[in-house]
C-alpha atoms as a PDB file:
ATOM      1  CA  MET A   1      -0.012  -0.039   0.069  1.00  0.00           C
ATOM      2  CA  SER A   2       1.240   3.295  -0.957  1.00  0.00           C
ATOM      3  CA  LYS A   3       1.198   6.512   1.278  1.00  0.00           C
ATOM      4  CA  LEU A   4      -0.756   8.977   0.061  1.00  0.00           C
ATOM      5  CA  GLU A   5       0.266  13.094   0.060  1.00  0.00           C
ATOM      6  CA  PRO A   6      -1.294  16.672  -0.130  1.00  0.00           C
ATOM      7  CA  GLY A   7      -0.714  17.242  -3.558  1.00  0.00           C
ATOM      8  CA  ASP A   8      -0.889  13.839  -4.584  1.00  0.00           C
ATOM      9  CA  THR A   9      -3.241  12.944  -7.943  1.00  0.00           C
ATOM     10  CA  VAL A  10      -5.430   9.774  -7.328  1.00  0.00           C
ATOM     11  CA  GLU A  11      -6.779   8.324 -10.686  1.00  0.00           C
ATOM     12  CA  VAL A  12      -9.559   6.232  -9.861  1.00  0.00           C
ATOM     13  CA  TYR A  13     -11.301   4.168 -12.479  1.00  0.00           C
ATOM     14  CA  VAL A  14     -15.492   3.271 -12.263  1.00  0.00           C
ATOM     15  CA  GLU A  15     -17.243   0.375 -13.886  1.00  0.00           C
ATOM     16  CA  ALA A  16     -20.351  -0.337 -13.721  1.00  0.00           C
ATOM     17  CA  PHE A  17     -22.257  -3.799 -14.986  1.00  0.00           C
ATOM     18  CA  ASP A  18     -26.225  -3.579 -15.895  1.00  0.00           C
ATOM     19  CA  LYS A  19     -28.103  -6.378 -15.292  1.00  0.00           C
ATOM     20  CA  ASN A  20     -31.656  -4.648 -15.231  1.00  0.00           C
ATOM     21  CA  PRO A  21     -31.278  -2.383 -18.077  1.00  0.00           C
ATOM     22  CA  ALA A  22     -34.077  -0.334 -19.749  1.00  0.00           C
ATOM     23  CA  SER A  23     -35.759  -1.539 -22.811  1.00  0.00           C
ATOM     24  CA  GLY A  24     -34.076  -1.821 -25.995  1.00  0.00           C
ATOM     25  CA  ARG A  25     -30.769  -1.567 -24.397  1.00  0.00           C
ATOM     26  CA  PRO A  26     -28.941  -4.648 -23.521  1.00  0.00           C
ATOM     27  CA  ALA A  27     -26.893  -5.798 -20.487  1.00  0.00           C
ATOM     28  CA  GLY A  28     -23.461  -5.490 -20.206  1.00  0.00           C
ATOM     29  CA  TYR A  29     -20.862  -2.578 -18.796  1.00  0.00           C
ATOM     30  CA  SER A  30     -20.836   0.918 -19.216  1.00  0.00           C
ATOM     31  CA  GLU A  31     -18.422   3.198 -20.351  1.00  0.00           C
ATOM     32  CA  GLY A  32     -15.594   3.665 -18.035  1.00  0.00           C
ATOM     33  CA  ALA A  33     -15.145   7.153 -16.542  1.00  0.00           C
ATOM     34  CA  ARG A  34     -12.005   8.729 -14.942  1.00  0.00           C
ATOM     35  CA  ILE A  35     -11.491  11.027 -12.473  1.00  0.00           C
ATOM     36  CA  LYS A  36      -8.391  12.874 -11.103  1.00  0.00           C
ATOM     37  CA  VAL A  37      -8.643  14.613  -7.334  1.00  0.00           C
ATOM     38  CA  VAL A  38      -5.593  16.406  -6.366  1.00  0.00           C
ATOM     39  CA  VAL A  39      -5.931  17.603  -2.742  1.00  0.00           C
ATOM     40  CA  THR A  40      -3.702  20.562  -1.687  1.00  0.00           C
ATOM     41  CA  ASP A  41      -3.108  21.239   2.370  1.00  0.00           C
ATOM     42  CA  GLU A  42      -5.241  24.387   2.380  1.00  0.00           C
ATOM     43  CA  GLU A  43      -7.881  22.426   0.391  1.00  0.00           C
ATOM     44  CA  ALA A  44      -7.481  19.369   2.885  1.00  0.00           C
ATOM     45  CA  ARG A  45      -7.886  21.719   6.168  1.00  0.00           C
ATOM     46  CA  ARG A  46     -11.393  22.817   4.543  1.00  0.00           C
ATOM     47  CA  LEU A  47     -12.354  19.607   4.282  1.00  0.00           C
ATOM     48  CA  ILE A  48     -11.947  18.348   7.502  1.00  0.00           C
ATOM     49  CA  ARG A  49     -13.119  21.851   9.163  1.00  0.00           C
ATOM     50  CA  ALA A  50     -16.264  21.407   7.172  1.00  0.00           C
ATOM     51  CA  ARG A  51     -16.636  17.741   8.055  1.00  0.00           C
ATOM     52  CA  ASP A  52     -16.128  18.503  12.026  1.00  0.00           C
ATOM     53  CA  GLU A  53     -18.750  21.335  11.600  1.00  0.00           C
ATOM     54  CA  ALA A  54     -21.214  18.927  10.341  1.00  0.00           C
ATOM     55  CA  HIS A  55     -20.017  16.330  12.798  1.00  0.00           C
ATOM     56  CA  GLU A  56     -20.783  18.978  15.635  1.00  0.00           C
ATOM     57  CA  ARG A  57     -24.555  20.406  13.929  1.00  0.00           C
ATOM     58  CA  LEU A  58     -25.372  16.921  13.828  1.00  0.00           C
ATOM     59  CA  GLN A  59     -24.515  16.248  17.764  1.00  0.00           C
ATOM     60  CA  GLU A  60     -26.133  19.331  18.607  1.00  0.00           C
ATOM     61  CA  LYS A  61     -29.233  18.624  16.637  1.00  0.00           C
ATOM     62  CA  LEU A  62     -28.711  14.981  18.438  1.00  0.00           C
ATOM     63  CA  ARG A  63     -29.116  16.571  21.841  1.00  0.00           C
ATOM     64  CA  GLN A  64     -31.303  19.039  21.230  1.00  0.00           C
ATOM     65  CA  LEU A  65     -34.055  15.728  19.798  1.00  0.00           C
ATOM     66  CA  GLU A  66     -32.968  14.263  23.326  1.00  0.00           C
ATOM     67  CA  ALA A  67     -33.904  16.611  25.231  1.00  0.00           C
ATOM     68  CA  GLU A  68     -37.611  17.207  23.793  1.00  0.00           C
ATOM     69  CA  GLN A  69     -38.245  13.656  24.124  1.00  0.00           C
ATOM     70  CA  ARG A  70     -36.685  13.320  27.224  1.00  0.00           C
ATOM     71  CA  GLY A  71     -40.225  14.032  28.901  1.00  0.00           C
ATOM     72  CA  VAL A  72     -42.611  13.069  26.628  1.00  0.00           C
ATOM     73  CA  PHE A  73     -42.385   9.434  28.224  1.00  0.00           C
ATOM     74  CA  GLN A  74     -42.270  10.294  32.037  1.00  0.00           C
ATOM     75  CA  PRO A  75     -43.756   7.713  34.370  1.00  0.00           C
ATOM     76  CA  LYS A  76     -47.464   8.600  36.063  1.00  0.00           C
ATOM     77  CA  LYS A  77     -46.512   9.561  39.853  1.00  0.00           C
END
């Protein structure tokens, strides 16, 4: 396994097999698709920051839901 560093170019090849094609189209493999991704230090920092902020928003939403739902099923006294 090779170690990737910021700034490296990664090429991804995706091939899909369509077992249930639309009518009039034979089953088979799609055309190949290639994408190149170049990640710089700054792009990586922005992606990590966005991921962390999204995670924190989800955690806050869970805390709010828990607080709202906590009293819903209280036993009767």
